[in-house]
Amino acid sequence: FEDLPVELEEAAVIDGTTIFGAFRRIALPLVGPGLVVTALFSFIFTWNEFMFALLFTRRDVRTLTIIVPSLVGGHEILWGQVAAVGVVAIIPNVLLALLLQRFLVRGLTLGAVKG
């Protein structure tokens, strides 16, 4: 929000909108893609937090990232279960990225056109 030109909000207020209206109609759409990407990265990093779950959870309550190493034994690896846990773990990330794709693309192409 600091890098947004103040003139945009001032022009909106001069044109008759309120401060909240200027925020909602001018500032928020301009910073929306950045906010969406920040939320997406925050979700992904939290979802993949391995050490926190390893150190602070009980044995009967484990996250998916802790289940995968337990499927790798000394002499065998349960590849079917590892693959199933991997698919289940990635589904929320893929769904969230697909839902937010238009914001991501808009953020990538926002500065591509001059004028």
Protein backbone atom coordinates (compact mmCIF):
# COMPACT_ATOMS: atom_id res chain seq x y z
CA PHE A 1 0.00 0.00 0.00
CA GLU A 2 2.95 2.32 0.55
CA ASP A 3 3.95 2.28 -3.13
CA LEU A 4 0.50 3.22 -4.42
CA PRO A 5 0.32 6.81 -5.65
CA VAL A 6 -1.68 8.97 -3.25
CA GLU A 7 -2.93 10.90 -6.27
CA LEU A 8 -5.14 7.97 -7.26
CA GLU A 9 -7.01 8.06 -3.98
CA GLU A 10 -7.16 11.86 -4.02
CA ALA A 11 -8.61 11.82 -7.54
CA ALA A 12 -11.25 9.31 -6.45
CA VAL A 13 -12.23 11.49 -3.49
CA ILE A 14 -12.40 14.56 -5.74
CA ASP A 15 -14.67 12.59 -8.10
CA GLY A 16 -17.09 12.05 -5.23
CA THR A 17 -16.29 8.74 -3.57
CA THR A 18 -15.56 8.27 0.12
CA ILE A 19 -12.18 7.26 1.54
CA PHE A 20 -13.49 3.72 2.01
CA GLY A 21 -14.83 3.72 -1.55
CA ALA A 22 -11.45 4.84 -2.87
CA PHE A 23 -9.80 2.07 -0.90
CA ARG A 24 -12.29 -0.52 -2.13
CA ARG A 25 -12.43 0.57 -5.77
CA ILE A 26 -8.88 1.86 -6.37
CA ALA A 27 -6.32 0.58 -3.86
CA LEU A 28 -7.62 -2.92 -3.21
CA PRO A 29 -7.81 -3.99 -6.88
CA LEU A 30 -4.26 -2.71 -7.44
CA VAL A 31 -2.76 -4.62 -4.52
CA GLY A 32 -5.14 -7.60 -4.76
CA PRO A 33 -2.78 -9.89 -6.71
CA GLY A 34 0.01 -9.26 -4.20
CA LEU A 35 -2.29 -10.03 -1.29
CA VAL A 36 -3.49 -13.23 -2.96
CA VAL A 37 0.05 -14.43 -3.65
CA THR A 38 1.05 -13.65 -0.07
CA ALA A 39 -1.91 -15.62 1.26
CA LEU A 40 -1.15 -18.52 -1.09
CA PHE A 41 2.52 -18.68 -0.07
CA SER A 42 1.57 -18.42 3.59
CA PHE A 43 -0.86 -21.32 3.19
CA ILE A 44 1.69 -23.47 1.36
CA PHE A 45 4.49 -22.81 3.86
CA THR A 46 2.17 -23.52 6.78
CA TRP A 47 0.85 -26.66 5.12
CA ASN A 48 4.38 -27.97 4.58
CA GLU A 49 5.70 -27.18 8.05
CA PHE A 50 7.50 -30.38 8.97
CA MET A 51 9.63 -29.58 11.99
CA PHE A 52 6.86 -27.92 13.99
CA ALA A 53 4.58 -30.91 13.50
CA LEU A 54 7.38 -33.35 14.26
CA LEU A 55 8.40 -31.73 17.52
CA PHE A 56 5.09 -30.56 18.96
CA THR A 57 2.48 -33.17 18.07
CA ARG A 58 1.52 -36.35 19.84
CA ARG A 59 1.90 -39.74 18.24
CA ASP A 60 -1.86 -40.27 17.88
CA VAL A 61 -2.35 -36.85 16.22
CA ARG A 62 0.01 -36.52 13.25
CA THR A 63 -0.01 -34.41 10.11
CA LEU A 64 0.51 -35.77 6.61
CA THR A 65 4.10 -34.56 6.48
CA ILE A 66 4.88 -36.70 9.55
CA ILE A 67 3.08 -39.78 8.21
CA VAL A 68 5.30 -40.05 5.11
CA PRO A 69 8.60 -40.70 6.98
CA SER A 70 6.83 -43.28 9.15
CA LEU A 71 5.97 -45.24 5.98
CA VAL A 72 9.66 -45.59 5.14
CA GLY A 73 11.01 -48.49 7.17
CA GLY A 74 14.47 -49.91 7.55
CA HIS A 75 14.03 -52.60 4.91
CA GLU A 76 10.93 -51.60 2.99
CA ILE A 77 9.15 -48.55 1.67
CA LEU A 78 5.38 -48.62 1.37
CA TRP A 79 5.25 -46.87 -2.01
CA GLY A 80 1.48 -47.14 -2.42
CA GLN A 81 0.78 -45.43 0.88
CA VAL A 82 3.50 -42.83 0.26
CA ALA A 83 1.93 -41.99 -3.11
CA ALA A 84 -1.57 -41.82 -1.60
CA VAL A 85 -0.45 -39.49 1.19
CA GLY A 86 1.38 -37.33 -1.36
CA VAL A 87 -1.73 -36.97 -3.50
CA VAL A 88 -3.92 -36.16 -0.49
CA ALA A 89 -1.36 -33.63 0.74
CA ILE A 90 -1.14 -31.78 -2.57
CA ILE A 91 -4.89 -31.56 -3.30
CA PRO A 92 -5.56 -28.45 -1.12
CA ASN A 93 -2.59 -26.60 -2.66
CA VAL A 94 -3.71 -27.36 -6.21
CA LEU A 95 -7.33 -26.41 -5.50
CA LEU A 96 -6.30 -23.13 -3.89
CA ALA A 97 -3.95 -22.29 -6.76
CA LEU A 98 -6.68 -23.05 -9.31
CA LEU A 99 -9.20 -20.90 -7.45
CA LEU A 100 -6.77 -17.99 -7.23
CA GLN A 101 -5.32 -18.38 -10.73
CA ARG A 102 -7.03 -15.31 -12.18
CA PHE A 103 -5.52 -13.13 -9.45
CA LEU A 104 -2.09 -14.62 -10.06
CA VAL A 105 -2.28 -14.06 -13.83
CA ARG A 106 -3.59 -10.52 -13.34
CA GLY A 107 -0.64 -9.76 -11.07
CA LEU A 108 1.82 -11.10 -13.62
CA THR A 109 0.39 -9.08 -16.49
CA LEU A 110 -0.49 -5.91 -14.57
CA GLY A 111 2.64 -4.01 -15.54
CA ALA A 112 3.02 -5.54 -18.99
CA VAL A 113 1.05 -2.89 -20.88
CA LYS A 114 2.17 0.71 -20.87
CA GLY A 115 -0.43 3.44 -20.90
